[in-house]
């Protein structure tokens, strides 16, 4: 999920305690320029994520990429099925390695983004 803020510094105003009450935790270790990341977990012991919340600058680079990718998959069901299959394959291949899972999706995502 993407949440757009303007300006980006407003991401620091989020009420982290309220977000925790809804099961979302700020991922302090995830350092991506122009993004603040929260996650919801189904299992806190094993840190199994169910939702990722990307807080980005509204209509900035990250926002535009996320929205383009979402819209592309909504309009191209074949690409959406291909992405779903890739994610399932990577989840089975890398159940304990989130970085490898994410890296495995990168080429597919970059190919779609190159169509902008």
N, C-alpha and C. Protein backbone atom coordinates (compact mmCIF):
# COMPACT_ATOMS: atom_id res chain seq x y z
N UNK A 1 0.84 -1.16 0.00
CA UNK A 1 0.00 0.00 0.00
C UNK A 1 0.89 1.23 0.00
N UNK A 2 0.42 2.24 -0.67
CA UNK A 2 1.16 3.50 -0.70
C UNK A 2 0.33 4.59 -0.04
N UNK A 3 0.99 5.37 0.78
CA UNK A 3 0.39 6.55 1.40
C UNK A 3 1.21 7.74 0.96
N UNK A 4 0.55 8.71 0.34
CA UNK A 4 1.25 9.89 -0.12
C UNK A 4 1.14 11.03 0.88
N UNK A 5 2.27 11.66 1.16
CA UNK A 5 2.31 12.83 2.03
C UNK A 5 3.00 13.96 1.28
N UNK A 6 2.65 15.18 1.66
CA UNK A 6 3.27 16.33 1.03
C UNK A 6 3.38 17.42 2.08
N UNK A 7 4.53 17.82 2.48
CA UNK A 7 5.84 17.34 2.08
C UNK A 7 6.20 16.03 2.79
N UNK A 8 7.27 15.41 2.32
CA UNK A 8 7.69 14.12 2.85
C UNK A 8 7.98 14.17 4.34
N UNK A 9 8.44 15.30 4.84
CA UNK A 9 8.75 15.39 6.27
C UNK A 9 7.51 15.14 7.13
N UNK A 10 6.31 15.26 6.56
CA UNK A 10 5.09 15.00 7.31
C UNK A 10 4.97 13.53 7.71
N UNK A 11 5.72 12.66 7.08
CA UNK A 11 5.71 11.24 7.46
C UNK A 11 6.14 11.09 8.92
N UNK A 12 6.95 12.02 9.40
CA UNK A 12 7.39 11.99 10.80
C UNK A 12 6.30 12.33 11.79
N UNK A 13 5.18 12.84 11.29
CA UNK A 13 4.06 13.21 12.16
C UNK A 13 3.09 12.06 12.40
N UNK A 14 3.31 10.93 11.77
CA UNK A 14 2.40 9.80 11.96
C UNK A 14 2.41 9.38 13.42
N UNK A 15 1.25 9.02 13.93
CA UNK A 15 1.11 8.56 15.30
C UNK A 15 1.45 7.07 15.33
N UNK A 16 2.70 6.77 15.67
CA UNK A 16 3.18 5.38 15.63
C UNK A 16 2.43 4.48 16.62
N UNK A 17 1.97 5.05 17.72
CA UNK A 17 1.22 4.26 18.70
C UNK A 17 -0.14 3.85 18.14
N UNK A 18 -0.79 4.76 17.43
CA UNK A 18 -2.07 4.40 16.80
C UNK A 18 -1.86 3.36 15.71
N UNK A 19 -0.79 3.52 14.94
CA UNK A 19 -0.50 2.53 13.90
C UNK A 19 -0.24 1.16 14.53
N UNK A 20 0.49 1.13 15.65
CA UNK A 20 0.73 -0.13 16.37
C UNK A 20 -0.58 -0.75 16.82
N UNK A 21 -1.52 0.09 17.26
CA UNK A 21 -2.82 -0.42 17.71
C UNK A 21 -3.54 -1.15 16.58
N UNK A 22 -3.24 -0.77 15.34
CA UNK A 22 -3.81 -1.44 14.17
C UNK A 22 -2.87 -2.52 13.62
N UNK A 23 -1.78 -2.76 14.34
CA UNK A 23 -0.85 -3.82 13.96
C UNK A 23 0.27 -3.42 13.03
N UNK A 24 0.46 -2.12 12.79
CA UNK A 24 1.53 -1.65 11.90
C UNK A 24 2.70 -1.13 12.71
N UNK A 25 3.88 -1.59 12.34
CA UNK A 25 5.11 -1.21 13.04
C UNK A 25 6.06 -0.54 12.06
N UNK A 26 6.69 0.55 12.52
CA UNK A 26 7.67 1.25 11.71
C UNK A 26 8.92 0.37 11.58
N UNK A 27 9.37 0.17 10.36
CA UNK A 27 10.56 -0.65 10.12
C UNK A 27 11.78 0.28 10.08
N UNK A 28 12.33 0.54 11.26
CA UNK A 28 13.46 1.47 11.40
C UNK A 28 14.67 1.04 10.58
N UNK A 29 14.87 -0.24 10.46
CA UNK A 29 16.06 -0.74 9.75
C UNK A 29 15.95 -0.63 8.24
N UNK A 30 14.75 -0.45 7.74
CA UNK A 30 14.56 -0.29 6.29
C UNK A 30 14.86 1.18 5.96
N UNK A 31 15.99 1.40 5.35
CA UNK A 31 16.43 2.74 5.00
C UNK A 31 16.42 2.88 3.48
N UNK A 32 15.35 3.46 2.95
CA UNK A 32 15.21 3.69 1.53
C UNK A 32 14.94 5.18 1.35
N UNK A 33 15.79 5.85 0.61
CA UNK A 33 15.65 7.29 0.44
C UNK A 33 14.28 7.62 -0.17
N UNK A 34 13.58 8.56 0.47
CA UNK A 34 12.30 9.00 -0.04
C UNK A 34 11.13 8.12 0.37
N UNK A 35 11.37 7.23 1.34
CA UNK A 35 10.33 6.29 1.74
C UNK A 35 10.43 6.00 3.22
N UNK A 36 9.28 5.87 3.87
CA UNK A 36 9.20 5.38 5.24
C UNK A 36 8.33 4.14 5.16
N UNK A 37 8.77 3.05 5.80
CA UNK A 37 8.08 1.78 5.64
C UNK A 37 7.55 1.27 6.99
N UNK A 38 6.30 0.83 6.95
CA UNK A 38 5.65 0.18 8.08
C UNK A 38 5.21 -1.21 7.61
N UNK A 39 5.06 -2.12 8.54
CA UNK A 39 4.58 -3.46 8.18
C UNK A 39 3.62 -3.96 9.24
N UNK A 40 2.72 -4.81 8.78
CA UNK A 40 1.79 -5.52 9.66
C UNK A 40 2.20 -6.98 9.62
N UNK A 41 2.17 -7.62 10.77
CA UNK A 41 2.67 -8.99 10.88
C UNK A 41 1.57 -9.94 11.33
N UNK A 42 1.57 -11.15 10.78
CA UNK A 42 0.64 -12.17 11.27
C UNK A 42 1.28 -12.96 12.40
N UNK A 43 2.61 -12.89 12.48
CA UNK A 43 3.35 -13.65 13.47
C UNK A 43 4.54 -12.81 13.91
N UNK A 44 4.47 -12.25 15.11
CA UNK A 44 5.55 -11.39 15.58
C UNK A 44 6.79 -12.18 15.97
N UNK A 45 6.63 -13.42 16.37
CA UNK A 45 7.78 -14.23 16.75
C UNK A 45 8.68 -14.49 15.54
N UNK A 46 8.07 -14.87 14.42
CA UNK A 46 8.83 -15.15 13.20
C UNK A 46 8.87 -13.97 12.24
N UNK A 47 8.24 -12.86 12.65
CA UNK A 47 8.18 -11.64 11.84
C UNK A 47 7.63 -11.90 10.43
N UNK A 48 6.50 -12.57 10.38
CA UNK A 48 5.84 -12.86 9.11
C UNK A 48 4.96 -11.68 8.73
N UNK A 49 5.34 -10.98 7.66
CA UNK A 49 4.61 -9.79 7.23
C UNK A 49 3.39 -10.18 6.39
N UNK A 50 2.31 -9.45 6.61
CA UNK A 50 1.12 -9.63 5.78
C UNK A 50 0.83 -8.38 4.94
N UNK A 51 1.26 -7.22 5.41
CA UNK A 51 1.01 -5.96 4.71
C UNK A 51 2.24 -5.08 4.85
N UNK A 52 2.55 -4.36 3.78
CA UNK A 52 3.63 -3.37 3.83
C UNK A 52 3.04 -2.03 3.41
N UNK A 53 3.32 -1.03 4.21
CA UNK A 53 2.80 0.32 3.99
C UNK A 53 3.98 1.21 3.63
N UNK A 54 3.97 1.73 2.41
CA UNK A 54 5.03 2.61 1.92
C UNK A 54 4.54 4.05 2.02
N UNK A 55 5.20 4.85 2.84
CA UNK A 55 4.86 6.26 2.95
C UNK A 55 5.86 7.02 2.08
N UNK A 56 5.34 7.70 1.07
CA UNK A 56 6.18 8.36 0.07
C UNK A 56 5.63 9.76 -0.21
N UNK A 57 6.43 10.54 -0.90
CA UNK A 57 5.97 11.88 -1.27
C UNK A 57 4.88 11.77 -2.33
N UNK A 58 3.74 12.40 -2.05
CA UNK A 58 2.63 12.39 -3.00
C UNK A 58 3.06 12.99 -4.33
N UNK A 59 2.85 12.24 -5.38
CA UNK A 59 3.21 12.58 -6.76
C UNK A 59 4.71 12.72 -6.98
N UNK A 60 5.49 12.16 -6.05
CA UNK A 60 6.94 12.09 -6.24
C UNK A 60 7.31 10.83 -7.01
N UNK A 61 8.61 10.57 -7.11
CA UNK A 61 9.12 9.42 -7.88
C UNK A 61 8.51 8.10 -7.42
N UNK A 62 8.61 7.82 -6.11
CA UNK A 62 8.09 6.54 -5.60
C UNK A 62 6.59 6.44 -5.83
N UNK A 63 5.87 7.53 -5.54
CA UNK A 63 4.42 7.53 -5.72
C UNK A 63 4.07 7.18 -7.17
N UNK A 64 4.69 7.89 -8.11
CA UNK A 64 4.38 7.69 -9.52
C UNK A 64 4.70 6.26 -9.96
N UNK A 65 5.80 5.69 -9.47
CA UNK A 65 6.14 4.32 -9.83
C UNK A 65 5.13 3.32 -9.27
N UNK A 66 4.78 3.48 -8.00
CA UNK A 66 3.81 2.56 -7.38
C UNK A 66 2.47 2.63 -8.11
N UNK A 67 2.00 3.83 -8.39
CA UNK A 67 0.70 4.00 -9.04
C UNK A 67 0.73 3.47 -10.47
N UNK A 68 1.80 3.74 -11.20
CA UNK A 68 1.90 3.22 -12.56
C UNK A 68 1.88 1.70 -12.55
N UNK A 69 2.67 1.08 -11.67
CA UNK A 69 2.74 -0.37 -11.60
C UNK A 69 1.37 -0.96 -11.25
N UNK A 70 0.71 -0.38 -10.26
CA UNK A 70 -0.63 -0.84 -9.87
C UNK A 70 -1.59 -0.76 -11.04
N UNK A 71 -1.63 0.40 -11.68
CA UNK A 71 -2.56 0.59 -12.80
C UNK A 71 -2.24 -0.36 -13.96
N UNK A 72 -0.96 -0.56 -14.20
CA UNK A 72 -0.57 -1.45 -15.29
C UNK A 72 -1.10 -2.86 -15.04
N UNK A 73 -0.89 -3.37 -13.83
CA UNK A 73 -1.36 -4.72 -13.52
C UNK A 73 -2.88 -4.81 -13.54
N UNK A 74 -3.57 -3.76 -13.14
CA UNK A 74 -5.03 -3.77 -13.18
C UNK A 74 -5.55 -3.82 -14.61
N UNK A 75 -4.79 -3.27 -15.54
CA UNK A 75 -5.23 -3.21 -16.94
C UNK A 75 -4.66 -4.31 -17.81
N UNK A 76 -3.72 -5.08 -17.31
CA UNK A 76 -3.13 -6.18 -18.08
C UNK A 76 -3.17 -7.44 -17.22
N UNK A 77 -4.25 -8.19 -17.36
CA UNK A 77 -4.46 -9.36 -16.51
C UNK A 77 -3.39 -10.42 -16.72
N UNK A 78 -2.85 -10.52 -17.93
CA UNK A 78 -1.78 -11.48 -18.18
C UNK A 78 -0.53 -11.12 -17.38
N UNK A 79 -0.18 -9.84 -17.37
CA UNK A 79 0.97 -9.38 -16.59
C UNK A 79 0.71 -9.59 -15.09
N UNK A 80 -0.52 -9.34 -14.66
CA UNK A 80 -0.86 -9.53 -13.24
C UNK A 80 -0.71 -11.00 -12.85
N UNK A 81 -1.16 -11.91 -13.70
CA UNK A 81 -1.02 -13.35 -13.41
C UNK A 81 0.44 -13.76 -13.41
N UNK A 82 1.21 -13.20 -14.33
CA UNK A 82 2.65 -13.50 -14.39
C UNK A 82 3.34 -13.03 -13.10
N UNK A 83 2.98 -11.84 -12.64
CA UNK A 83 3.56 -11.30 -11.41
C UNK A 83 3.15 -12.15 -10.20
N UNK A 84 1.90 -12.54 -10.15
CA UNK A 84 1.42 -13.40 -9.07
C UNK A 84 2.19 -14.72 -9.05
N UNK A 85 2.37 -15.33 -10.22
CA UNK A 85 3.12 -16.59 -10.30
C UNK A 85 4.56 -16.41 -9.85
N UNK A 86 5.18 -15.31 -10.28
CA UNK A 86 6.56 -15.02 -9.88
C UNK A 86 6.65 -14.88 -8.37
N UNK A 87 5.73 -14.12 -7.77
CA UNK A 87 5.75 -13.93 -6.32
C UNK A 87 5.56 -15.25 -5.57
N UNK A 88 4.66 -16.09 -6.05
CA UNK A 88 4.45 -17.39 -5.41
C UNK A 88 5.70 -18.26 -5.51
N UNK A 89 6.33 -18.25 -6.69
CA UNK A 89 7.57 -19.03 -6.90
C UNK A 89 8.67 -18.54 -5.96
N UNK A 90 8.84 -17.23 -5.90
CA UNK A 90 9.88 -16.66 -5.05
C UNK A 90 9.60 -16.90 -3.57
N UNK A 91 8.34 -16.84 -3.17
CA UNK A 91 7.98 -17.09 -1.77
C UNK A 91 8.32 -18.52 -1.38
N UNK A 92 8.11 -19.46 -2.30
CA UNK A 92 8.45 -20.86 -2.01
C UNK A 92 9.96 -21.07 -2.02
N UNK A 93 10.64 -20.37 -2.93
CA UNK A 93 12.09 -20.52 -3.08
C UNK A 93 12.86 -19.84 -1.95
N UNK A 94 12.34 -18.72 -1.45
CA UNK A 94 13.05 -17.93 -0.44
C UNK A 94 12.15 -17.62 0.77
N UNK A 95 11.63 -18.64 1.45
CA UNK A 95 10.69 -18.38 2.54
C UNK A 95 11.30 -17.62 3.72
N UNK A 96 12.60 -17.69 3.87
CA UNK A 96 13.27 -17.04 5.01
C UNK A 96 14.18 -15.89 4.58
N UNK A 97 14.12 -15.50 3.31
CA UNK A 97 15.04 -14.48 2.80
C UNK A 97 14.26 -13.40 2.05
N UNK A 98 13.78 -12.41 2.79
CA UNK A 98 12.96 -11.36 2.20
C UNK A 98 13.72 -10.57 1.14
N UNK A 99 15.02 -10.36 1.35
CA UNK A 99 15.81 -9.61 0.37
C UNK A 99 15.88 -10.36 -0.96
N UNK A 100 16.11 -11.66 -0.91
CA UNK A 100 16.16 -12.45 -2.16
C UNK A 100 14.80 -12.43 -2.85
N UNK A 101 13.74 -12.52 -2.06
CA UNK A 101 12.38 -12.46 -2.61
C UNK A 101 12.16 -11.12 -3.33
N UNK A 102 12.51 -10.04 -2.65
CA UNK A 102 12.34 -8.71 -3.23
C UNK A 102 13.23 -8.52 -4.46
N UNK A 103 14.48 -8.95 -4.36
CA UNK A 103 15.40 -8.84 -5.50
C UNK A 103 14.88 -9.64 -6.69
N UNK A 104 14.25 -10.77 -6.43
CA UNK A 104 13.72 -11.61 -7.50
C UNK A 104 12.59 -10.94 -8.26
N UNK A 105 11.88 -10.04 -7.62
CA UNK A 105 10.79 -9.32 -8.29
C UNK A 105 11.30 -8.12 -9.08
N UNK A 106 12.49 -7.65 -8.75
CA UNK A 106 13.00 -6.39 -9.29
C UNK A 106 13.01 -6.33 -10.81
N UNK A 107 13.48 -7.37 -11.49
CA UNK A 107 13.58 -7.32 -12.95
C UNK A 107 12.19 -7.18 -13.58
N UNK A 108 11.22 -7.91 -13.04
CA UNK A 108 9.85 -7.83 -13.54
C UNK A 108 9.30 -6.41 -13.35
N UNK A 109 9.46 -5.88 -12.15
CA UNK A 109 8.95 -4.54 -11.85
C UNK A 109 9.63 -3.50 -12.74
N UNK A 110 10.95 -3.60 -12.88
CA UNK A 110 11.68 -2.64 -13.71
C UNK A 110 11.23 -2.70 -15.17
N UNK A 111 10.95 -3.91 -15.66
CA UNK A 111 10.47 -4.05 -17.04
C UNK A 111 9.14 -3.34 -17.22
N UNK A 112 8.23 -3.50 -16.27
CA UNK A 112 6.94 -2.81 -16.36
C UNK A 112 7.14 -1.29 -16.27
N UNK A 113 7.98 -0.85 -15.34
CA UNK A 113 8.20 0.59 -15.18
C UNK A 113 8.86 1.21 -16.41
N UNK A 114 9.60 0.43 -17.16
CA UNK A 114 10.25 0.96 -18.37
C UNK A 114 9.23 1.30 -19.46
N UNK A 115 8.00 0.86 -19.29
CA UNK A 115 6.95 1.12 -20.29
C UNK A 115 6.24 2.45 -20.07
N UNK A 116 6.67 3.21 -19.07
CA UNK A 116 6.03 4.52 -18.80
C UNK A 116 6.31 5.49 -19.90
